[in-house]
Amino acid sequence: MNEPDFWRPLDANQRQCLLTVLQNPKCTDLIYLSELCLAFEKLSIFEFKPQNIAHMNYEMLDMKSMRIIKRFLHFLSSQSAEDGGLDFASFMQELISKQTVKTKSSNAEVLLFSSQKFFKKLAKYNIKKTSK
């Protein structure tokens, strides 16, 4: 999207509001993501989040988390099996361990993974800049 296309849906007041956030005198070369998100919300421009499904509430994720997820999905979609690429299961294979959880009425096997190892792997593939 080039600059004129970006500004076209905004009226003069909305443009001025957004420019105020983008031209924050606190930092000349930085933009605070939280302030930018707030400005977009005030302009009724929302980050797309998928609908919640069982065991996954996307409303709990902030924009930074959604950005990482989108980068990860883009990375996986850019991989092809012919090129020796990765699919989700292959990417996660060495990170996942199985554990049996015992309850009063039954036993269940759950899959667990280390978040530290996961973020290190994201950094390894340049999906996330640091492993923290």
Protein backbone atom coordinates (compact mmCIF):
# COMPACT_ATOMS: atom_id res chain seq x y z
CA MET A 1 0.00 0.00 0.00
CA ASN A 2 1.60 3.28 -1.02
CA GLU A 3 1.24 6.45 0.99
CA PRO A 4 -1.66 8.07 -0.92
CA ASP A 5 -3.70 4.84 -0.65
CA PHE A 6 -3.09 4.74 3.10
CA TRP A 7 -4.31 8.32 3.68
CA ARG A 8 -7.31 8.17 1.31
CA PRO A 9 -9.85 6.61 3.75
CA LEU A 10 -8.97 9.12 6.51
CA ASP A 11 -10.53 12.57 6.82
CA ALA A 12 -8.43 15.65 7.76
CA ASN A 13 -9.02 15.26 11.53
CA GLN A 14 -8.09 11.59 11.46
CA ARG A 15 -4.92 12.35 9.48
CA GLN A 16 -3.93 15.04 11.99
CA CYS A 17 -4.56 12.69 14.92
CA LEU A 18 -2.40 10.00 13.35
CA LEU A 19 0.36 12.47 12.48
CA THR A 20 0.38 13.69 16.09
CA VAL A 21 1.12 10.16 17.25
CA LEU A 22 3.68 9.50 14.53
CA GLN A 23 5.51 12.77 15.14
CA ASN A 24 5.89 12.31 18.88
CA PRO A 25 8.51 14.81 20.12
CA LYS A 26 9.75 12.31 22.75
CA CYS A 27 11.52 10.29 20.09
CA THR A 28 12.39 11.49 16.64
CA ASP A 29 13.07 8.10 15.10
CA LEU A 30 10.82 5.80 17.14
CA ILE A 31 7.10 5.14 17.22
CA TYR A 32 5.47 3.75 20.34
CA LEU A 33 3.44 0.77 19.20
CA SER A 34 0.95 1.18 22.06
CA GLU A 35 0.25 4.81 21.10
CA LEU A 36 -0.09 3.91 17.43
CA CYS A 37 -2.52 1.06 18.27
CA LEU A 38 -4.57 3.40 20.43
CA ALA A 39 -4.72 5.97 17.63
CA PHE A 40 -5.84 3.32 15.14
CA GLU A 41 -8.52 2.09 17.56
CA LYS A 42 -9.82 5.65 17.98
CA LEU A 43 -10.02 5.85 14.18
CA SER A 44 -11.92 2.53 14.14
CA ILE A 45 -9.03 0.77 12.42
CA PHE A 46 -8.48 -2.55 14.16
CA GLU A 47 -5.85 -5.19 13.78
CA PHE A 48 -7.38 -8.31 12.25
CA LYS A 49 -7.61 -11.14 14.73
CA PRO A 50 -9.08 -14.52 13.89
CA GLN A 51 -12.25 -15.65 15.61
CA ASN A 52 -11.73 -17.42 18.91
CA ILE A 53 -11.84 -21.19 18.80
CA ALA A 54 -11.80 -23.87 21.48
CA HIS A 55 -8.64 -23.60 23.58
CA MET A 56 -7.47 -20.43 21.76
CA ASN A 57 -8.63 -16.95 22.73
CA TYR A 58 -7.07 -14.50 20.27
CA GLU A 59 -8.46 -11.53 22.21
CA MET A 60 -5.82 -12.20 24.85
CA LEU A 61 -2.99 -11.55 22.36
CA ASP A 62 -1.47 -8.12 21.96
CA MET A 63 -0.35 -6.72 18.60
CA LYS A 64 3.25 -7.81 19.15
CA SER A 65 2.13 -11.41 19.66
CA MET A 66 -0.10 -11.27 16.59
CA ARG A 67 2.80 -9.89 14.55
CA ILE A 68 4.99 -12.82 15.62
CA ILE A 69 2.22 -15.28 14.73
CA LYS A 70 1.79 -13.68 11.31
CA ARG A 71 5.55 -13.78 10.66
CA PHE A 72 5.61 -17.43 11.73
CA LEU A 73 2.68 -18.31 9.45
CA HIS A 74 4.31 -16.43 6.56
CA PHE A 75 7.57 -18.28 7.19
CA LEU A 76 5.81 -21.65 7.19
CA SER A 77 3.80 -20.82 4.05
CA SER A 78 7.00 -19.78 2.23
CA GLN A 79 8.57 -23.18 2.88
CA SER A 80 7.98 -25.91 0.33
CA ALA A 81 8.40 -29.62 0.87
CA GLU A 82 10.32 -29.94 -2.42
CA ASP A 83 12.98 -27.52 -1.12
CA GLY A 84 13.34 -29.42 2.15
CA GLY A 85 11.16 -26.81 3.85
CA LEU A 86 9.28 -27.07 7.09
CA ASP A 87 5.67 -27.58 7.98
CA PHE A 88 4.33 -26.80 11.46
CA ALA A 89 4.75 -30.36 12.75
CA SER A 90 8.35 -30.52 11.51
CA PHE A 91 9.15 -27.11 13.00
CA MET A 92 7.77 -28.09 16.40
CA GLN A 93 8.94 -31.73 16.41
CA GLU A 94 12.12 -31.30 18.47
CA LEU A 95 10.42 -28.86 20.85
CA ILE A 96 7.48 -31.03 21.88
CA SER A 97 7.48 -33.54 24.70
CA LYS A 98 4.66 -35.78 25.91
CA GLN A 99 3.58 -35.95 29.52
CA THR A 100 0.90 -38.02 31.19
CA VAL A 101 -1.43 -36.10 33.45
CA LYS A 102 -3.30 -38.15 36.01
CA THR A 103 -6.67 -37.11 37.34
CA LYS A 104 -9.05 -38.88 39.72
CA SER A 105 -11.05 -40.39 36.90
CA SER A 106 -8.57 -40.86 34.07
CA ASN A 107 -5.12 -40.30 32.60
CA ALA A 108 -4.52 -37.94 29.72
CA GLU A 109 -1.47 -37.46 27.58
CA VAL A 110 -0.66 -33.81 26.86
CA LEU A 111 1.90 -32.24 24.56
CA LEU A 112 4.18 -29.61 26.08
CA PHE A 113 6.91 -27.40 24.70
CA SER A 114 9.45 -25.04 26.21
CA SER A 115 8.73 -21.41 25.39
CA GLN A 116 12.46 -20.60 25.69
CA LYS A 117 13.36 -23.21 23.07
CA PHE A 118 10.47 -22.04 20.88
CA PHE A 119 11.60 -18.40 20.92
CA LYS A 120 15.21 -19.42 20.29
CA LYS A 121 14.07 -21.32 17.23
CA LEU A 122 12.01 -18.33 16.04
CA ALA A 123 15.14 -16.18 16.37
CA LYS A 124 17.21 -18.79 14.51
CA TYR A 125 14.89 -18.47 11.49
CA ASN A 126 14.67 -14.64 11.82
CA ILE A 127 10.97 -14.79 12.65
CA LYS A 128 11.64 -12.95 15.90
CA LYS A 129 14.65 -10.69 16.37
CA THR A 130 15.69 -11.98 19.79
CA SER A 131 15.17 -15.22 21.65
CA LYS A 132 13.59 -13.43 24.63
